[in-house]
Amino acid sequence: MAADFDEPVFDDDFVRSATFTEPSASERARSPGRRERRRDRRAARRAARSGVLRFRRPRRGRREPSHRMAVFQVLAGILVLFAISFALWWWNSGARDTEEPVRPVVPTVPNSPAPVPTTAAPSGIPEV
């Protein structure tokens, strides 16, 4: 339910229940009990396993790569891409085992039908 403008958003009961009380000086001075120490150790182990906190030294094989290694990896990637593109160009450019790299162009003769034979006019009749 929405509050009206003249009513406070949080009432007094809510504010009283939400207050945080700090431990007293005598409570802070005493050493933690067995349960508290065990609970803290378990929480620390869970945090270390999940990677939230690192209590252990970093392992030898898991150090951060140096700048030189990163540059080397980028250059190696560029060389691999260049090799792949060159191989694809070589593959698609055609055969190289012939003496002439390009086939000679031969003129083609279109297939035209033979001329229709005409009957010759008789020799005695003059042509008009």
C-alpha atoms as a PDB file:
ATOM      1  CA  MET A   1       0.000   0.000   0.000  1.00  0.00           C
ATOM      2  CA  ALA A   2       1.473   3.347  -0.982  1.00  0.00           C
ATOM      3  CA  ALA A   3       2.107   5.909   1.745  1.00  0.00           C
ATOM      4  CA  ASP A   4       0.530   9.317   1.575  1.00  0.00           C
ATOM      5  CA  PHE A   5       2.746  12.347   1.451  1.00  0.00           C
ATOM      6  CA  ASP A   6       1.982  13.390   5.010  1.00  0.00           C
ATOM      7  CA  GLU A   7       2.708   9.922   6.489  1.00  0.00           C
ATOM      8  CA  PRO A   8       6.302   8.806   7.182  1.00  0.00           C
ATOM      9  CA  VAL A   9       7.584   5.987   4.995  1.00  0.00           C
ATOM     10  CA  PHE A  10       9.122   4.081   7.927  1.00  0.00           C
ATOM     11  CA  ASP A  11       7.257   3.849  11.187  1.00  0.00           C
ATOM     12  CA  ASP A  12       8.886   3.783  14.647  1.00  0.00           C
ATOM     13  CA  ASP A  13       8.628   0.010  15.062  1.00  0.00           C
ATOM     14  CA  PHE A  14      10.499  -0.569  11.829  1.00  0.00           C
ATOM     15  CA  VAL A  15      13.266   1.838  12.790  1.00  0.00           C
ATOM     16  CA  ARG A  16      13.655   0.284  16.275  1.00  0.00           C
ATOM     17  CA  SER A  17      13.901  -3.237  14.841  1.00  0.00           C
ATOM     18  CA  ALA A  18      16.407  -2.187  12.190  1.00  0.00           C
ATOM     19  CA  THR A  19      18.953  -0.609  14.554  1.00  0.00           C
ATOM     20  CA  PHE A  20      22.367  -2.189  14.768  1.00  0.00           C
ATOM     21  CA  THR A  21      23.880  -2.596  18.200  1.00  0.00           C
ATOM     22  CA  GLU A  22      27.617  -2.905  18.557  1.00  0.00           C
ATOM     23  CA  PRO A  23      29.068  -5.348  21.055  1.00  0.00           C
ATOM     24  CA  SER A  24      30.049  -3.883  24.360  1.00  0.00           C
ATOM     25  CA  ALA A  25      33.670  -3.462  25.402  1.00  0.00           C
ATOM     26  CA  SER A  26      33.552  -6.564  27.581  1.00  0.00           C
ATOM     27  CA  GLU A  27      32.122  -8.625  24.725  1.00  0.00           C
ATOM     28  CA  ARG A  28      34.846  -7.390  22.385  1.00  0.00           C
ATOM     29  CA  ALA A  29      37.568  -8.092  24.957  1.00  0.00           C
ATOM     30  CA  ARG A  30      36.733 -11.766  25.470  1.00  0.00           C
ATOM     31  CA  SER A  31      38.268 -14.356  23.161  1.00  0.00           C
ATOM     32  CA  PRO A  32      35.929 -16.196  20.798  1.00  0.00           C
ATOM     33  CA  GLY A  33      34.537 -19.514  21.945  1.00  0.00           C
ATOM     34  CA  ARG A  34      35.048 -22.907  20.329  1.00  0.00           C
ATOM     35  CA  ARG A  35      31.988 -22.654  18.142  1.00  0.00           C
ATOM     36  CA  GLU A  36      32.894 -19.208  16.884  1.00  0.00           C
ATOM     37  CA  ARG A  37      36.461 -20.245  16.041  1.00  0.00           C
ATOM     38  CA  ARG A  38      35.209 -23.340  14.193  1.00  0.00           C
ATOM     39  CA  ARG A  39      32.617 -21.257  12.322  1.00  0.00           C
ATOM     40  CA  ASP A  40      35.294 -18.728  11.317  1.00  0.00           C
ATOM     41  CA  ARG A  41      37.636 -21.484  10.076  1.00  0.00           C
ATOM     42  CA  ARG A  42      34.868 -23.045   7.989  1.00  0.00           C
ATOM     43  CA  ALA A  43      33.946 -19.679   6.496  1.00  0.00           C
ATOM     44  CA  ALA A  44      37.591 -18.996   5.657  1.00  0.00           C
ATOM     45  CA  ARG A  45      37.946 -22.403   3.950  1.00  0.00           C
ATOM     46  CA  ARG A  46      34.767 -21.843   1.926  1.00  0.00           C
ATOM     47  CA  ALA A  47      35.948 -18.407   0.878  1.00  0.00           C
ATOM     48  CA  ALA A  48      39.336 -19.777  -0.134  1.00  0.00           C
ATOM     49  CA  ARG A  49      37.751 -22.592  -2.172  1.00  0.00           C
ATOM     50  CA  SER A  50      35.354 -20.290  -3.942  1.00  0.00           C
ATOM     51  CA  GLY A  51      38.114 -17.846  -4.831  1.00  0.00           C
ATOM     52  CA  VAL A  52      36.748 -14.940  -2.827  1.00  0.00           C
ATOM     53  CA  LEU A  53      39.839 -14.682  -0.651  1.00  0.00           C
ATOM     54  CA  ARG A  54      43.274 -16.050  -1.376  1.00  0.00           C
ATOM     55  CA  PHE A  55      45.107 -17.139   1.755  1.00  0.00           C
ATOM     56  CA  ARG A  56      47.535 -19.396  -0.073  1.00  0.00           C
ATOM     57  CA  ARG A  57      50.477 -18.376  -2.182  1.00  0.00           C
ATOM     58  CA  PRO A  58      49.825 -18.409  -5.922  1.00  0.00           C
ATOM     59  CA  ARG A  59      50.929 -21.597  -7.602  1.00  0.00           C
ATOM     60  CA  ARG A  60      54.065 -21.588  -9.707  1.00  0.00           C
ATOM     61  CA  GLY A  61      52.343 -22.477 -12.964  1.00  0.00           C
ATOM     62  CA  ARG A  62      49.550 -19.941 -12.559  1.00  0.00           C
ATOM     63  CA  ARG A  63      51.379 -16.645 -12.629  1.00  0.00           C
ATOM     64  CA  GLU A  64      50.270 -13.846 -14.870  1.00  0.00           C
ATOM     65  CA  PRO A  65      51.725 -13.859 -18.373  1.00  0.00           C
ATOM     66  CA  SER A  66      54.294 -11.228 -19.106  1.00  0.00           C
ATOM     67  CA  HIS A  67      53.965  -8.485 -21.689  1.00  0.00           C
ATOM     68  CA  ARG A  68      56.399 -10.273 -23.997  1.00  0.00           C
ATOM     69  CA  MET A  69      54.330 -13.438 -23.895  1.00  0.00           C
ATOM     70  CA  ALA A  70      51.186 -11.499 -24.789  1.00  0.00           C
ATOM     71  CA  VAL A  71      52.946  -9.844 -27.741  1.00  0.00           C
ATOM     72  CA  PHE A  72      54.248 -13.226 -28.870  1.00  0.00           C
ATOM     73  CA  GLN A  73      50.756 -14.726 -28.730  1.00  0.00           C
ATOM     74  CA  VAL A  74      49.302 -11.886 -30.810  1.00  0.00           C
ATOM     75  CA  LEU A  75      52.054 -12.224 -33.429  1.00  0.00           C
ATOM     76  CA  ALA A  76      51.606 -15.995 -33.546  1.00  0.00           C
ATOM     77  CA  GLY A  77      47.872 -15.538 -34.117  1.00  0.00           C
ATOM     78  CA  ILE A  78      48.512 -13.092 -36.955  1.00  0.00           C
ATOM     79  CA  LEU A  79      50.982 -15.509 -38.579  1.00  0.00           C
ATOM     80  CA  VAL A  80      48.506 -18.375 -38.360  1.00  0.00           C
ATOM     81  CA  LEU A  81      45.778 -16.274 -39.978  1.00  0.00           C
ATOM     82  CA  PHE A  82      48.187 -15.199 -42.727  1.00  0.00           C
ATOM     83  CA  ALA A  83      49.183 -18.833 -43.368  1.00  0.00           C
ATOM     84  CA  ILE A  84      45.538 -19.889 -43.620  1.00  0.00           C
ATOM     85  CA  SER A  85      44.660 -17.063 -46.007  1.00  0.00           C
ATOM     86  CA  PHE A  86      47.716 -17.812 -48.183  1.00  0.00           C
ATOM     87  CA  ALA A  87      46.799 -21.513 -48.324  1.00  0.00           C
ATOM     88  CA  LEU A  88      43.233 -20.694 -49.350  1.00  0.00           C
ATOM     89  CA  TRP A  89      44.476 -18.298 -52.046  1.00  0.00           C
ATOM     90  CA  TRP A  90      46.875 -20.955 -53.347  1.00  0.00           C
ATOM     91  CA  TRP A  91      44.138 -23.590 -53.373  1.00  0.00           C
ATOM     92  CA  ASN A  92      41.651 -21.418 -55.278  1.00  0.00           C
ATOM     93  CA  SER A  93      44.043 -19.856 -57.806  1.00  0.00           C
ATOM     94  CA  GLY A  94      44.065 -22.799 -60.239  1.00  0.00           C
ATOM     95  CA  ALA A  95      46.402 -25.516 -61.505  1.00  0.00           C
ATOM     96  CA  ARG A  96      50.124 -24.822 -61.852  1.00  0.00           C
ATOM     97  CA  ASP A  97      51.309 -28.041 -63.539  1.00  0.00           C
ATOM     98  CA  THR A  98      50.715 -26.864 -67.145  1.00  0.00           C
ATOM     99  CA  GLU A  99      53.321 -25.081 -69.224  1.00  0.00           C
ATOM    100  CA  GLU A 100      51.024 -22.177 -69.962  1.00  0.00           C
ATOM    101  CA  PRO A 101      49.291 -20.730 -66.961  1.00  0.00           C
ATOM    102  CA  VAL A 102      46.276 -19.676 -69.039  1.00  0.00           C
ATOM    103  CA  ARG A 103      44.528 -21.770 -71.662  1.00  0.00           C
ATOM    104  CA  PRO A 104      44.642 -20.251 -75.126  1.00  0.00           C
ATOM    105  CA  VAL A 105      41.395 -18.799 -76.348  1.00  0.00           C
ATOM    106  CA  VAL A 106      40.245 -20.588 -79.510  1.00  0.00           C
ATOM    107  CA  PRO A 107      37.696 -18.836 -81.708  1.00  0.00           C
ATOM    108  CA  THR A 108      34.506 -20.780 -81.824  1.00  0.00           C
ATOM    109  CA  VAL A 109      32.439 -21.342 -84.918  1.00  0.00           C
ATOM    110  CA  PRO A 110      28.730 -21.122 -84.315  1.00  0.00           C
ATOM    111  CA  ASN A 111      26.694 -24.099 -85.403  1.00  0.00           C
ATOM    112  CA  SER A 112      24.717 -22.778 -88.317  1.00  0.00           C
ATOM    113  CA  PRO A 113      22.457 -25.004 -90.377  1.00  0.00           C
ATOM    114  CA  ALA A 114      23.413 -25.858 -93.952  1.00  0.00           C
ATOM    115  CA  PRO A 115      21.827 -23.658 -96.635  1.00  0.00           C
ATOM    116  CA  VAL A 116      18.540 -24.914 -98.058  1.00  0.00           C
ATOM    117  CA  PRO A 117      19.038 -26.247-101.630  1.00  0.00           C
ATOM    118  CA  THR A 118      17.176 -24.180-104.187  1.00  0.00           C
ATOM    119  CA  THR A 119      15.708 -25.592-107.309  1.00  0.00           C
ATOM    120  CA  ALA A 120      17.180 -24.098-110.441  1.00  0.00           C
ATOM    121  CA  ALA A 121      14.809 -22.591-112.970  1.00  0.00           C
ATOM    122  CA  PRO A 122      14.564 -24.335-116.351  1.00  0.00           C
ATOM    123  CA  SER A 123      16.994 -22.926-118.834  1.00  0.00           C
ATOM    124  CA  GLY A 124      14.392 -22.022-121.514  1.00  0.00           C
ATOM    125  CA  ILE A 125      12.300 -19.644-119.463  1.00  0.00           C
ATOM    126  CA  PRO A 126      13.707 -16.159-119.082  1.00  0.00           C
ATOM    127  CA  GLU A 127      13.917 -14.795-115.608  1.00  0.00           C
ATOM    128  CA  VAL A 128      11.983 -11.700-114.868  1.00  0.00           C
END
